[in-house]
Protein backbone atom coordinates (compact mmCIF):
# COMPACT_ATOMS: atom_id res chain seq x y z
CA UNK A 1 0.08 -0.04 0.07
CA UNK A 2 1.65 3.39 -0.96
CA UNK A 3 1.49 6.08 1.59
CA UNK A 4 -1.12 7.96 -0.09
CA UNK A 5 -3.69 5.06 0.46
CA UNK A 6 -2.28 4.39 3.97
CA UNK A 7 -3.31 8.33 4.80
CA UNK A 8 -6.54 7.79 2.89
CA UNK A 9 -7.44 4.93 4.90
CA UNK A 10 -6.82 7.03 7.82
CA UNK A 11 -9.50 9.62 7.33
CA UNK A 12 -12.62 9.36 8.73
CA UNK A 13 -15.86 7.94 6.09
CA UNK A 14 -17.53 11.07 5.65
CA UNK A 15 -14.24 13.28 4.77
CA UNK A 16 -14.00 10.66 1.87
CA UNK A 17 -17.32 10.58 1.00
CA UNK A 18 -17.09 14.58 0.79
CA UNK A 19 -13.78 13.96 -1.21
CA UNK A 20 -15.54 11.82 -3.68
CA UNK A 21 -18.57 13.67 -3.70
CA UNK A 22 -16.97 17.01 -4.68
CA UNK A 23 -14.29 15.17 -7.40
CA UNK A 24 -17.26 13.48 -9.03
CA UNK A 25 -19.94 16.36 -9.26
CA UNK A 26 -17.33 19.16 -10.20
CA UNK A 27 -15.99 16.43 -13.13
CA UNK A 28 -19.46 16.65 -14.08
CA UNK A 29 -20.04 20.18 -14.08
CA UNK A 30 -16.87 20.44 -15.95
CA UNK A 31 -18.27 18.11 -18.83
CA UNK A 32 -21.54 20.03 -18.55
CA UNK A 33 -20.28 23.35 -19.67
CA UNK A 34 -18.22 21.87 -21.65
CA UNK A 35 -20.77 20.19 -23.66
CA UNK A 36 -23.05 23.84 -22.91
CA UNK A 37 -19.96 25.38 -25.51
CA UNK A 38 -19.76 22.93 -27.86
CA UNK A 39 -23.64 22.93 -28.60
CA UNK A 40 -23.57 26.37 -29.10
CA UNK A 41 -20.95 26.05 -31.78
CA UNK A 42 -22.47 23.42 -33.58
CA UNK A 43 -25.32 22.36 -35.19
CA UNK A 44 -28.16 20.20 -33.14
CA UNK A 45 -27.92 17.39 -35.53
CA UNK A 46 -24.24 17.04 -34.52
CA UNK A 47 -23.66 13.68 -33.49
CA UNK A 48 -23.66 12.85 -28.86
CA UNK A 49 -20.96 10.73 -28.16
CA UNK A 50 -23.69 8.20 -27.02
CA UNK A 51 -21.55 4.84 -27.72
CA UNK A 52 -18.70 5.88 -25.92
CA UNK A 53 -20.44 7.36 -23.05
CA UNK A 54 -22.40 3.80 -22.86
CA UNK A 55 -18.94 1.52 -23.42
CA UNK A 56 -17.53 3.95 -20.77
CA UNK A 57 -20.21 2.88 -18.08
CA UNK A 58 -20.18 -0.33 -19.15
CA UNK A 59 -16.58 -0.78 -18.17
CA UNK A 60 -16.84 1.26 -14.95
CA UNK A 61 -19.68 -0.58 -13.81
CA UNK A 62 -17.30 -3.98 -14.44
CA UNK A 63 -14.39 -2.76 -12.69
CA UNK A 64 -16.80 -1.67 -9.84
CA UNK A 65 -18.21 -5.16 -9.20
CA UNK A 66 -15.06 -6.61 -9.77
CA UNK A 67 -13.07 -4.07 -7.05
CA UNK A 68 -16.14 -4.89 -4.66
CA UNK A 69 -16.23 -8.37 -5.18
CA UNK A 70 -11.98 -8.31 -4.36
CA UNK A 71 -12.79 -6.35 -0.84
CA UNK A 72 -15.91 -8.30 0.07
CA UNK A 73 -13.70 -11.52 0.03
CA UNK A 74 -11.12 -10.16 1.69
CA UNK A 75 -13.45 -9.13 4.58
CA UNK A 76 -14.63 -12.77 4.82
CA UNK A 77 -11.69 -13.96 4.47
CA UNK A 78 -10.49 -11.67 7.84
CA UNK A 79 -13.28 -12.89 9.78
CA UNK A 80 -12.56 -16.61 8.99
CA UNK A 81 -8.80 -16.29 10.13
CA UNK A 82 -9.45 -14.66 13.16
CA UNK A 83 -12.17 -17.22 14.25
CA UNK A 84 -9.58 -20.20 13.32
CA UNK A 85 -6.78 -18.49 15.77
CA UNK A 86 -9.05 -18.01 18.39
CA UNK A 87 -10.50 -21.73 18.42
CA UNK A 88 -6.25 -22.55 17.70
CA UNK A 89 -5.93 -20.65 21.14
CA UNK A 90 -8.64 -22.20 22.80
CA UNK A 91 -7.51 -25.75 22.23
CA UNK A 92 -3.87 -24.74 23.36
CA UNK A 93 -5.17 -23.42 26.84
CA UNK A 94 -7.34 -26.71 27.33
CA UNK A 95 -4.25 -28.92 26.33
CA UNK A 96 -2.29 -27.48 28.71
CA UNK A 97 -3.63 -29.50 31.27
CA UNK A 98 -1.51 -32.65 30.19
CA UNK A 99 1.23 -30.19 32.03
CA UNK A 100 2.04 -30.42 35.13
CA UNK A 101 1.19 -27.80 37.55
CA UNK A 102 3.59 -25.06 37.53
CA UNK A 103 3.86 -25.96 34.21
CA UNK A 104 0.45 -25.32 33.21
CA UNK A 105 -0.38 -21.96 35.24
CA UNK A 106 2.92 -20.51 33.50
CA UNK A 107 1.95 -21.48 29.66
CA UNK A 108 -1.73 -20.32 30.55
CA UNK A 109 -0.15 -16.65 32.04
CA UNK A 110 1.26 -17.04 28.63
CA UNK A 111 -1.63 -17.15 26.54
CA UNK A 112 -3.49 -14.28 28.43
CA UNK A 113 -0.88 -12.56 27.45
CA UNK A 114 -0.86 -13.93 23.93
CA UNK A 115 -4.60 -13.46 23.15
CA UNK A 116 -4.42 -9.49 25.05
CA UNK A 117 -1.85 -8.74 22.29
CA UNK A 118 -3.90 -10.03 19.90
CA UNK A 119 -6.71 -8.35 20.82
CA UNK A 120 -5.26 -5.09 20.32
CA UNK A 121 -3.49 -6.16 17.24
CA UNK A 122 -7.05 -6.21 15.81
CA UNK A 123 -8.91 -3.34 17.43
CA UNK A 124 -9.62 -0.15 16.22
CA UNK A 125 -7.09 2.99 15.91
CA UNK A 126 -3.76 1.38 16.42
CA UNK A 127 -0.90 3.47 14.70
CA UNK A 128 1.82 1.68 12.47
CA UNK A 129 4.35 1.69 15.11
CA UNK A 130 1.96 0.06 17.63
CA UNK A 131 1.08 -2.76 14.98
CA UNK A 132 4.51 -3.68 14.53
CA UNK A 133 5.70 -3.38 18.34
CA UNK A 134 2.62 -5.83 18.55
CA UNK A 135 3.53 -8.17 15.97
CA UNK A 136 7.11 -8.07 17.63
CA UNK A 137 5.48 -9.06 21.17
CA UNK A 138 3.21 -11.80 19.77
CA UNK A 139 6.82 -13.69 18.23
CA UNK A 140 8.44 -13.05 21.41
CA UNK A 141 5.75 -15.27 23.51
CA UNK A 142 5.57 -17.54 20.79
CA UNK A 143 9.08 -18.40 21.22
CA UNK A 144 8.80 -18.32 24.70
CA UNK A 145 5.28 -20.69 24.67
CA UNK A 146 7.90 -23.56 22.15
CA UNK A 147 11.20 -22.82 23.90
CA UNK A 148 9.19 -24.17 27.20
CA UNK A 149 7.22 -26.62 25.67
CA UNK A 150 10.74 -27.79 23.97
CA UNK A 151 12.42 -27.78 27.36
CA UNK A 152 9.80 -29.97 29.41
CA UNK A 153 9.97 -32.54 26.37
CA UNK A 154 13.68 -33.22 26.18
CA UNK A 155 13.35 -33.24 30.18
CA UNK A 156 10.47 -35.95 29.95
CA UNK A 157 9.92 -37.28 26.72
CA UNK A 158 6.30 -38.29 26.69
CA UNK A 159 4.78 -38.42 23.28
CA UNK A 160 1.35 -39.04 24.98
CA UNK A 161 1.32 -35.44 26.53
CA UNK A 162 3.91 -33.32 24.65
CA UNK A 163 2.38 -34.17 21.61
CA UNK A 164 -1.03 -32.39 21.53
CA UNK A 165 0.57 -29.24 22.88
CA UNK A 166 2.83 -29.00 20.11
CA UNK A 167 0.89 -29.28 18.15
CA UNK A 168 -1.37 -26.48 19.24
CA UNK A 169 1.45 -24.29 19.41
CA UNK A 170 2.33 -24.93 15.58
CA UNK A 171 -1.42 -23.74 14.64
CA UNK A 172 -1.35 -20.67 16.73
CA UNK A 173 1.91 -19.63 14.72
CA UNK A 174 0.61 -21.07 11.55
CA UNK A 175 -2.52 -19.05 11.89
CA UNK A 176 -1.19 -16.28 13.66
CA UNK A 177 0.26 -15.03 10.27
CA UNK A 178 -2.44 -15.91 7.96
CA UNK A 179 -5.05 -13.01 9.87
CA UNK A 180 -1.89 -10.48 10.14
CA UNK A 181 -1.34 -10.94 6.61
CA UNK A 182 -4.85 -10.96 5.34
CA UNK A 183 -5.01 -7.68 7.75
CA UNK A 184 -2.42 -6.04 5.14
CA UNK A 185 -3.76 -7.01 2.34
CA UNK A 186 -5.21 -4.94 0.52
CA UNK A 187 -7.07 -3.78 -2.82
CA UNK A 188 -4.45 -3.05 -4.98
CA UNK A 189 -3.88 1.09 -5.25
CA UNK A 190 -3.44 0.39 -9.28
CA UNK A 191 -7.44 -1.28 -9.31
CA UNK A 192 -7.99 1.33 -7.13
CA UNK A 193 -6.60 4.09 -9.36
CA UNK A 194 -7.80 2.76 -12.24
CA UNK A 195 -11.52 2.99 -10.88
CA UNK A 196 -11.33 6.41 -9.05
CA UNK A 197 -10.20 8.14 -12.66
CA UNK A 198 -12.41 5.60 -14.53
CA UNK A 199 -15.09 7.49 -12.63
CA UNK A 200 -13.86 10.98 -13.15
CA UNK A 201 -14.14 9.98 -16.89
CA UNK A 202 -17.82 8.81 -16.94
CA UNK A 203 -18.88 11.45 -15.11
CA UNK A 204 -17.48 13.75 -17.32
CA UNK A 205 -18.55 12.37 -20.58
CA UNK A 206 -22.44 12.02 -18.65
CA UNK A 207 -21.94 15.86 -17.81
CA UNK A 208 -20.33 16.70 -22.02
CA UNK A 209 -24.01 14.95 -22.96
CA UNK A 210 -26.02 16.58 -20.83
CA UNK A 211 -24.28 19.57 -22.01
CA UNK A 212 -25.10 18.74 -25.18
CA UNK A 213 -28.83 19.01 -25.20
CA UNK A 214 -29.85 16.07 -22.80
CA UNK A 215 -29.49 17.90 -19.71
CA UNK A 216 -30.68 15.68 -16.98
CA UNK A 217 -29.13 16.96 -13.82
CA UNK A 218 -31.66 15.26 -11.37
CA UNK A 219 -30.47 11.71 -12.79
CA UNK A 220 -26.63 12.67 -13.07
CA UNK A 221 -27.33 14.01 -9.74
CA UNK A 222 -28.47 10.77 -8.10
CA UNK A 223 -25.88 9.06 -10.32
CA UNK A 224 -22.93 11.26 -8.60
CA UNK A 225 -24.76 10.29 -5.05
CA UNK A 226 -24.92 6.41 -5.31
CA UNK A 227 -21.16 6.21 -7.13
CA UNK A 228 -19.98 7.86 -4.16
CA UNK A 229 -21.36 5.36 -1.74
CA UNK A 230 -19.98 2.52 -3.71
CA UNK A 231 -16.86 3.71 -3.55
CA UNK A 232 -17.17 3.95 -0.01
CA UNK A 233 -18.28 0.41 0.63
CA UNK A 234 -15.15 -0.90 -1.25
CA UNK A 235 -13.21 1.18 1.49
CA UNK A 236 -14.87 0.53 3.95
CA UNK A 237 -14.50 -2.98 3.19
CA UNK A 238 -10.78 -2.55 2.68
CA UNK A 239 -9.83 -1.04 6.09
CA UNK A 240 -10.48 -3.41 8.37
CA UNK A 241 -9.45 -1.67 11.72
CA UNK A 242 -11.94 1.84 10.93
CA UNK A 243 -14.99 2.80 10.03
CA UNK A 244 -18.62 1.23 10.32
CA UNK A 245 -17.51 -2.41 8.70
CA UNK A 246 -14.93 -3.08 11.08
CA UNK A 247 -13.85 -6.77 11.38
CA UNK A 248 -14.84 -7.35 15.46
CA UNK A 249 -12.81 -9.39 17.10
CA UNK A 250 -15.39 -11.19 19.40
CA UNK A 251 -14.10 -14.52 18.76
CA UNK A 252 -11.22 -13.88 21.07
CA UNK A 253 -13.32 -11.87 23.16
CA UNK A 254 -15.11 -14.96 23.71
CA UNK A 255 -11.27 -16.79 24.24
CA UNK A 256 -9.89 -14.11 26.63
CA UNK A 257 -13.39 -14.80 29.20
CA UNK A 258 -12.87 -18.35 29.11
CA UNK A 259 -9.12 -18.19 29.41
CA UNK A 260 -10.01 -16.64 33.24
CA UNK A 261 -12.78 -19.29 34.13
CA UNK A 262 -11.02 -22.30 35.99
CA UNK A 263 -11.22 -25.45 34.80
CA UNK A 264 -12.51 -28.58 36.58
CA UNK A 265 -9.92 -30.40 38.05
CA UNK A 266 -10.19 -34.11 39.19
CA UNK A 267 -8.23 -36.07 41.57
CA UNK A 268 -5.59 -38.47 39.42
CA UNK A 269 -6.52 -42.24 40.15
CA UNK A 270 -3.68 -44.12 41.31
């Protein structure tokens, strides 16, 4: 993501909508004024660019549908990966019951810190510097848990007990990278820029056609509003930490609640 796009994503939604609304409306007004001028210089029977207008409308509509589909797919993938990560953390927490009490308590303390780290990582308002720091902290906690369990396994090579813990930790490491990369995986800048430029050209051409005699101010204004709202939905889906359509970390919050609930203990049979 370019620096310009990152700054755009940091803006409030209403500011983005206002910028788009002004840009599209200005393009239509420029085209309308130019169409009026050309119409006064040419005869009324002069050919109007209807075929070009229809072709550009179709192209922008297809590009917009393609971009909206990309953004929606990324949004759904982020939610699914976050739920999988929460499930892996919960499974690891339960499997710590296989360890000795002292080892179990230490592992659960690290897991609680890890959940807090991941919840803050997915929360709104975090700066880029803080996100990078949280990413490093999560790796440090993963390494601590892995090395600690590995040390236990070297002292007590019991495959029945240690195997499930290693499997869960490995799943945490794997699933941690997927949602993290998905949160940084946005619709390419090239596609967003192409869509914006195409929309500007389309609004200019619609305004030009209106200025040539097919005036339809109400229809053009409604189209500007619809185009702005569609762009807003695309940007909302593509920035998971801001706006209305944020990715909720409810799955991790439920795991956090379960981590603080005491598990039933049963005396070992002799």
